[in-house]
Amino acid sequence: MEKDVKLNYPLNFFLKLIFDNDIDHGLRKASVQMVFDQHDIPAGDFQTKVSESGRFLTMTVQVLIINDEVFVSLYSSLKSLPGLRFAV
């Protein structure tokens, strides 16, 4: 049985994005920042790491989400980014 989880906003957390490593890191960062800007989401510095195989790029960034609507719309917008494998 699943329990409904109630989040307390504002929510400050580290968002981890895993992409295919097939686009310049600067362009990838700019596309993610554009999503944050579209939703007025404050974000910290981006940290990036390439997998040992070189196939994947992980980006971690601290974000501040003000309500559930912004949370849902953020993940919806992130889904449209080319090469995104996971967003947690």
Protein backbone atom coordinates (compact mmCIF):
# COMPACT_ATOMS: atom_id res chain seq x y z
CA MET A 1 0.00 0.00 0.00
CA GLU A 2 1.38 3.41 -1.02
CA LYS A 3 1.12 6.44 1.21
CA ASP A 4 0.54 9.90 -0.19
CA VAL A 5 3.62 11.99 0.42
CA LYS A 6 3.05 15.62 1.35
CA LEU A 7 5.94 17.90 0.48
CA ASN A 8 6.57 21.05 2.48
CA TYR A 9 7.32 24.06 0.29
CA PRO A 10 9.51 25.88 -0.39
CA LEU A 11 11.62 22.82 -1.15
CA ASN A 12 15.37 23.16 -1.56
CA PHE A 13 16.97 20.04 -3.01
CA PHE A 14 19.68 18.68 -5.29
CA LEU A 15 18.33 17.76 -8.71
CA LYS A 16 20.33 15.10 -10.54
CA LEU A 17 20.01 14.84 -14.33
CA ILE A 18 21.54 12.03 -16.34
CA PHE A 19 22.02 12.62 -20.07
CA ASP A 20 23.57 10.87 -23.02
CA ASN A 21 26.99 12.47 -23.43
CA ASP A 22 26.53 13.46 -27.06
CA ILE A 23 26.15 17.25 -26.82
CA ASP A 24 28.63 19.90 -25.69
CA HIS A 25 28.43 20.34 -21.90
CA GLY A 26 27.99 24.11 -22.22
CA LEU A 27 25.01 23.70 -24.56
CA ARG A 28 23.52 21.07 -22.25
CA LYS A 29 23.89 23.36 -19.23
CA ALA A 30 22.32 26.26 -21.15
CA SER A 31 19.29 24.15 -22.11
CA VAL A 32 18.76 23.09 -18.48
CA GLN A 33 19.19 26.67 -17.26
CA MET A 34 16.61 27.79 -19.82
CA VAL A 35 14.08 25.36 -18.28
CA PHE A 36 14.83 26.78 -14.82
CA ASP A 37 14.41 30.32 -16.14
CA GLN A 38 11.06 29.47 -17.80
CA HIS A 39 9.71 28.37 -14.42
CA ASP A 40 11.46 31.08 -12.34
CA ILE A 41 13.40 28.44 -10.43
CA PRO A 42 16.50 29.67 -8.60
CA ALA A 43 19.40 27.29 -9.18
CA GLY A 44 22.88 26.98 -7.75
CA ASP A 45 26.10 26.05 -9.47
CA PHE A 46 26.07 23.09 -11.83
CA GLN A 47 28.35 20.17 -11.09
CA THR A 48 29.02 17.77 -13.93
CA LYS A 49 30.58 14.36 -14.19
CA VAL A 50 31.14 12.08 -17.17
CA SER A 51 30.71 8.34 -16.64
CA GLU A 52 33.77 6.09 -16.85
CA SER A 53 32.60 4.79 -20.21
CA GLY A 54 32.10 8.36 -21.46
CA ARG A 55 28.55 7.58 -22.58
CA PHE A 56 26.69 9.57 -19.93
CA LEU A 57 26.86 13.01 -18.34
CA THR A 58 25.50 13.63 -14.85
CA MET A 59 24.54 17.15 -13.83
CA THR A 60 23.73 18.00 -10.23
CA VAL A 61 22.31 21.38 -9.27
CA GLN A 62 20.58 22.72 -6.19
CA VAL A 63 17.14 24.18 -6.92
CA LEU A 64 14.41 25.90 -4.94
CA ILE A 65 10.83 24.82 -5.72
CA ILE A 66 8.08 27.04 -4.33
CA ASN A 67 5.00 24.84 -4.83
CA ASP A 68 3.64 21.61 -6.27
CA GLU A 69 2.61 23.23 -9.56
CA VAL A 70 6.18 24.37 -10.23
CA PHE A 71 7.51 20.95 -9.21
CA VAL A 72 5.26 19.13 -11.70
CA SER A 73 5.84 21.62 -14.52
CA LEU A 74 9.62 21.44 -14.02
CA TYR A 75 9.71 17.67 -14.49
CA SER A 76 7.34 17.94 -17.44
CA SER A 77 9.65 20.44 -19.14
CA LEU A 78 12.78 18.44 -18.35
CA LYS A 79 11.29 15.44 -20.16
CA SER A 80 11.51 17.39 -23.41
CA LEU A 81 15.28 17.85 -23.21
CA PRO A 82 17.08 15.74 -25.82
CA GLY A 83 19.14 12.90 -24.41
CA LEU A 84 17.72 13.05 -20.88
CA ARG A 85 17.72 9.56 -19.36
CA PHE A 86 16.73 10.27 -15.74
CA ALA A 87 15.82 13.20 -13.52
CA VAL A 88 15.82 12.54 -9.77
